[in-house]
Amino acid sequence: MSDDAVFQGYRASRLRLSELARSFDATQAATPVAACPGWTVKDTLAHLAGLAADVVGGNVPDGVPTDEFTAREVAERADRTVPEVLGEWDRVGPEFESLLQALGADAPRNAAVDVWSHECDIRSALGISIPADGGPAARLLDGMVRRGIGRSWGTEGHPPALRIVTDTDGWVAGEGDPAGMLRTTLFDLSRTMLGRRSPAQMAGMDWDGADPQPWIAALPVFGPNEGGVIDSAVEPS
C-alpha cells in the first residue's frame, strides 16, 4: 500500500459520490437503502458528511463508530436537504483528507472503504450501475478481504480453513487443509465481508459441493444483513 493510498481512496470516492448525488431528486433522496436498514439515501450521505465533520471537529470515536454514534450524525442533519449535506461535506471533506494525508501509511483504511461501500449501497438502492474499477478505495478493500477473512479459521473453536477462488485469484483462508471451496467474485466477497448479504444469500453462493454452514456466520465482519442486498450490475471493465 502506498503512503497516501487511504487519502487518495477517500478523496476519489468522495468526489465521485458527491458528483453523483448532486443529480438526485427528492424521490431518490428519500429512497430506503437496504444495506443500511432505517436509512434513506440522504441519511447515508448525512452519515458520511457527519463522520468527516466529527473527526475534523475532534469528536473521534474509539474504534469503529457505534450505531448510536452514526444515528446522531444522521439525526443532526435530518432537516437538511441533500445539497446542504453535500455542501457540508465539501467543506469538511478536504480537511479530513488532509488529516489522512498527514497520517500517510498509518491512516485507517476503513476511512476510504466506508465511502466506497456506501457509494455501492446508494447506487444499488437507486438501481444505478456500480463502476467496475471503484478506484483506490475498492483496491484497499480487496487487500482487506484477503487479509481479513479467515484469520482464525482452522483453529480450535472456529470454522475449518476454506479455499476461496475469485475472478482475480485464489487463496486458502485459515490454517491447515481446506475443508471446502467457495467460488465467487472479489466484489461479492467484499460485499459479503462488509455485511451486505443475508445468510440465505451466502448459502446460495457457489460452494462447490461443500456445506456452507460452518462459514456463513464467520464470513461477514459486519452484519449479516438479514434482508439481504441485491447490488446493481457492476459495469464491465
Protein backbone atom coordinates (compact mmCIF):
# COMPACT_ATOMS: atom_id res chain seq x y z
CA MET A 1 0.00 0.00 0.00
CA SER A 2 1.39 3.40 -0.93
CA ASP A 3 1.80 6.01 1.81
CA ASP A 4 -1.13 8.05 0.52
CA ALA A 5 -3.45 5.21 -0.56
CA VAL A 6 -6.08 5.93 2.10
CA PHE A 7 -6.05 9.67 1.38
CA GLN A 8 -6.31 9.06 -2.37
CA GLY A 9 -9.01 6.44 -1.89
CA TYR A 10 -11.17 8.61 0.33
CA ARG A 11 -10.82 11.67 -1.89
CA ALA A 12 -11.57 9.84 -5.14
CA SER A 13 -14.67 8.17 -3.70
CA ARG A 14 -15.92 11.37 -2.05
CA LEU A 15 -15.65 13.38 -5.24
CA ARG A 16 -17.30 10.66 -7.36
CA LEU A 17 -20.18 10.13 -4.93
CA SER A 18 -20.70 13.86 -4.38
CA GLU A 19 -20.94 14.46 -8.12
CA LEU A 20 -23.45 11.63 -8.50
CA ALA A 21 -25.58 12.79 -5.56
CA ARG A 22 -25.93 16.35 -6.88
CA SER A 23 -28.30 14.99 -9.52
CA PHE A 24 -30.66 13.27 -7.05
CA ASP A 25 -34.26 14.45 -6.91
CA ALA A 26 -36.47 14.33 -3.80
CA THR A 27 -37.72 10.83 -4.55
CA GLN A 28 -34.20 9.46 -4.93
CA ALA A 29 -33.06 11.22 -1.74
CA ALA A 30 -35.90 9.57 0.20
CA THR A 31 -35.27 6.08 -1.20
CA PRO A 32 -34.59 3.46 1.51
CA VAL A 33 -31.10 1.92 1.47
CA ALA A 34 -31.38 -1.82 2.07
CA ALA A 35 -27.73 -2.07 3.10
CA CYS A 36 -28.36 0.43 5.93
CA PRO A 37 -31.72 -0.53 7.45
CA GLY A 38 -33.71 2.51 8.54
CA TRP A 39 -31.68 4.92 6.43
CA THR A 40 -32.57 6.69 3.21
CA VAL A 41 -30.13 7.81 0.54
CA LYS A 42 -29.99 11.24 2.19
CA ASP A 43 -29.37 9.68 5.60
CA THR A 44 -26.44 7.70 4.21
CA LEU A 45 -24.93 10.86 2.79
CA ALA A 46 -25.55 12.60 6.13
CA HIS A 47 -23.55 9.90 7.90
CA LEU A 48 -20.60 10.41 5.55
CA ALA A 49 -20.64 14.19 5.93
CA GLY A 50 -21.25 13.88 9.67
CA LEU A 51 -18.38 11.50 10.25
CA ALA A 52 -15.96 13.79 8.44
CA ALA A 53 -17.27 16.75 10.45
CA ASP A 54 -16.90 14.83 13.72
CA VAL A 55 -13.30 13.85 13.00
CA VAL A 56 -12.33 17.33 11.88
CA GLY A 57 -14.02 18.73 14.99
CA GLY A 58 -12.12 16.38 17.28
CA ASN A 59 -15.11 14.18 18.10
CA VAL A 60 -13.35 10.91 17.27
CA PRO A 61 -14.96 7.64 18.37
CA ASP A 62 -12.93 4.86 19.94
CA GLY A 63 -12.62 2.14 17.32
CA VAL A 64 -15.46 1.60 14.84
CA PRO A 65 -18.29 4.14 15.28
CA THR A 66 -21.25 2.63 17.13
CA ASP A 67 -24.84 2.63 15.84
CA GLU A 68 -25.62 5.35 18.38
CA PHE A 69 -22.74 7.49 17.13
CA THR A 70 -23.81 7.30 13.48
CA ALA A 71 -27.51 7.70 14.37
CA ARG A 72 -26.68 11.03 15.99
CA GLU A 73 -24.86 12.18 12.85
CA VAL A 74 -27.94 11.40 10.77
CA ALA A 75 -30.40 12.93 13.27
CA GLU A 76 -28.46 16.20 13.41
CA ARG A 77 -28.90 16.58 9.64
CA ALA A 78 -32.49 15.39 9.38
CA ASP A 79 -33.82 18.84 8.43
CA ARG A 80 -31.18 19.49 5.77
CA THR A 81 -31.55 18.92 2.05
CA VAL A 82 -29.16 16.79 0.03
CA PRO A 83 -27.45 19.93 -1.41
CA GLU A 84 -26.96 21.22 2.14
CA VAL A 85 -25.49 17.90 3.30
CA LEU A 86 -23.18 17.84 0.28
CA GLY A 87 -22.19 21.45 0.95
CA GLU A 88 -21.05 20.45 4.43
CA TRP A 89 -19.11 17.50 3.01
CA ASP A 90 -17.49 19.86 0.50
CA ARG A 91 -16.27 21.97 3.42
CA VAL A 92 -15.09 19.32 5.89
CA GLY A 93 -14.07 16.62 3.41
CA PRO A 94 -10.82 18.31 2.30
CA GLU A 95 -9.87 18.91 5.95
CA PHE A 96 -10.49 15.25 6.73
CA GLU A 97 -8.40 14.30 3.71
CA SER A 98 -5.55 16.48 4.97
CA LEU A 99 -5.59 14.53 8.24
CA LEU A 100 -5.46 11.24 6.32
CA GLN A 101 -2.64 12.54 4.13
CA ALA A 102 -0.65 13.58 7.21
CA LEU A 103 -1.02 10.09 8.69
CA GLY A 104 0.28 8.51 5.49
CA ALA A 105 0.57 4.74 5.71
CA ASP A 106 -0.83 4.87 9.26
CA ALA A 107 -4.18 6.25 8.08
CA PRO A 108 -7.07 3.86 8.86
CA ARG A 109 -8.09 2.00 5.72
CA ASN A 110 -11.73 1.89 6.74
CA ALA A 111 -11.90 5.67 6.23
CA ALA A 112 -11.64 5.09 2.48
CA VAL A 113 -13.51 1.79 2.36
CA ASP A 114 -16.54 3.29 4.15
CA VAL A 115 -17.14 5.82 1.38
CA TRP A 116 -16.76 3.23 -1.40
CA SER A 117 -19.03 0.82 0.45
CA HIS A 118 -21.77 3.43 0.91
CA GLU A 119 -21.46 4.51 -2.70
CA CYS A 120 -22.28 0.91 -3.67
CA ASP A 121 -25.15 0.94 -1.16
CA ILE A 122 -26.63 4.10 -2.67
CA ARG A 123 -26.15 3.02 -6.27
CA SER A 124 -27.83 -0.31 -5.55
CA ALA A 125 -30.75 1.37 -3.77
CA LEU A 126 -31.33 3.56 -6.83
CA GLY A 127 -30.59 0.92 -9.49
CA ILE A 128 -27.51 2.78 -10.73
CA SER A 129 -24.69 0.59 -12.01
CA ILE A 130 -21.52 0.29 -9.94
CA PRO A 131 -18.14 1.13 -11.55
CA ALA A 132 -16.06 -1.99 -12.14
CA ASP A 133 -12.99 -0.07 -11.02
CA GLY A 134 -14.03 1.67 -7.85
CA GLY A 135 -10.67 3.35 -7.60
CA PRO A 136 -8.17 3.29 -4.73
CA ALA A 137 -10.76 2.63 -2.03
CA ALA A 138 -12.03 -0.51 -3.75
CA ARG A 139 -8.48 -1.74 -4.19
CA LEU A 140 -7.79 -1.15 -0.49
CA LEU A 141 -10.87 -3.24 0.29
CA ASP A 142 -9.55 -6.05 -1.89
CA GLY A 143 -6.46 -6.22 0.28
CA MET A 144 -8.53 -6.10 3.45
CA VAL A 145 -10.62 -9.04 2.24
CA ARG A 146 -7.59 -11.23 1.59
CA ARG A 147 -6.10 -10.44 4.98
CA GLY A 148 -9.32 -10.20 6.96
CA ILE A 149 -11.32 -13.28 6.02
CA GLY A 150 -10.44 -16.47 7.84
CA ARG A 151 -7.56 -15.29 10.01
CA SER A 152 -8.61 -17.68 12.80
CA TRP A 153 -10.16 -20.40 10.66
CA GLY A 154 -8.68 -23.84 11.08
CA THR A 155 -8.01 -23.29 14.79
CA GLU A 156 -9.97 -24.62 17.75
CA GLY A 157 -13.44 -23.12 18.12
CA HIS A 158 -13.51 -21.68 14.59
CA PRO A 159 -14.60 -22.91 11.14
CA PRO A 160 -12.12 -25.02 9.17
CA ALA A 161 -9.91 -23.48 6.52
CA LEU A 162 -11.62 -22.67 3.22
CA ARG A 163 -10.24 -22.39 -0.30
CA ILE A 164 -11.56 -19.20 -1.90
CA VAL A 165 -11.41 -18.76 -5.67
CA THR A 166 -12.41 -15.38 -7.10
CA ASP A 167 -12.45 -13.85 -10.56
CA THR A 168 -8.95 -12.49 -9.95
CA ASP A 169 -7.10 -15.07 -7.87
CA GLY A 170 -7.42 -17.69 -5.15
CA TRP A 171 -6.06 -18.48 -1.71
CA VAL A 172 -6.68 -20.61 1.36
CA ALA A 173 -8.31 -18.69 4.21
CA GLY A 174 -7.21 -20.16 7.52
CA GLU A 175 -4.73 -22.77 8.67
CA GLY A 176 -4.39 -26.34 7.50
CA ASP A 177 -6.06 -28.22 4.67
CA PRO A 178 -9.23 -26.53 3.36
CA ALA A 179 -12.47 -28.38 4.11
CA GLY A 180 -14.35 -26.77 1.22
CA MET A 181 -14.19 -24.31 -1.65
CA LEU A 182 -16.08 -21.10 -2.37
CA ARG A 183 -16.15 -19.71 -5.90
CA THR A 184 -17.22 -16.08 -6.14
CA THR A 185 -16.17 -12.66 -7.38
CA LEU A 186 -13.96 -10.39 -5.34
CA PHE A 187 -16.74 -7.79 -5.41
CA ASP A 188 -19.33 -10.18 -3.95
CA LEU A 189 -16.86 -11.44 -1.38
CA SER A 190 -16.14 -7.85 -0.35
CA ARG A 191 -19.83 -7.05 -0.03
CA THR A 192 -20.35 -10.23 1.99
CA MET A 193 -17.49 -9.38 4.33
CA LEU A 194 -18.98 -5.92 4.91
CA GLY A 195 -22.34 -7.40 5.90
CA ARG A 196 -24.31 -6.69 2.74
CA ARG A 197 -25.51 -10.27 2.25
CA SER A 198 -28.10 -12.30 4.17
CA PRO A 199 -27.49 -15.85 5.44
CA ALA A 200 -29.73 -17.11 2.64
CA GLN A 201 -27.72 -15.22 0.02
CA MET A 202 -24.49 -16.61 1.44
CA ALA A 203 -25.89 -20.14 1.41
CA GLY A 204 -26.77 -19.66 -2.26
CA MET A 205 -23.20 -18.85 -3.29
CA ASP A 206 -21.16 -21.40 -5.24
CA TRP A 207 -19.72 -23.63 -2.51
CA ASP A 208 -18.53 -26.29 -4.93
CA GLY A 209 -20.44 -29.04 -3.16
CA ALA A 210 -19.38 -28.08 0.36
CA ASP A 211 -21.87 -27.48 3.18
CA PRO A 212 -21.60 -23.68 3.73
CA GLN A 213 -22.97 -23.66 7.28
CA PRO A 214 -19.60 -23.69 9.09
CA TRP A 215 -18.55 -20.47 7.32
CA ILE A 216 -21.78 -18.47 6.92
CA ALA A 217 -21.69 -16.83 10.33
CA ALA A 218 -17.96 -16.13 10.04
CA LEU A 219 -17.80 -14.51 6.58
CA PRO A 220 -19.27 -11.08 7.43
CA VAL A 221 -17.20 -8.80 9.63
CA PHE A 222 -20.28 -6.58 10.00
CA GLY A 223 -23.78 -7.96 9.81
CA PRO A 224 -25.07 -10.03 8.18
CA ASN A 225 -27.88 -8.03 6.60
CA GLU A 226 -30.92 -10.14 7.41
CA GLY A 227 -32.95 -8.78 4.49
CA GLY A 228 -30.11 -9.13 2.03
CA VAL A 229 -28.87 -6.60 -0.51
CA ILE A 230 -29.17 -7.07 -4.25
CA ASP A 231 -26.48 -4.91 -5.79
CA SER A 232 -26.86 -3.13 -9.09
CA ALA A 233 -24.92 -4.50 -12.00
CA VAL A 234 -21.20 -3.87 -11.98
CA GLU A 235 -20.10 -2.06 -15.13
CA PRO A 236 -17.82 -4.09 -17.41
CA SER A 237 -14.14 -3.15 -17.08
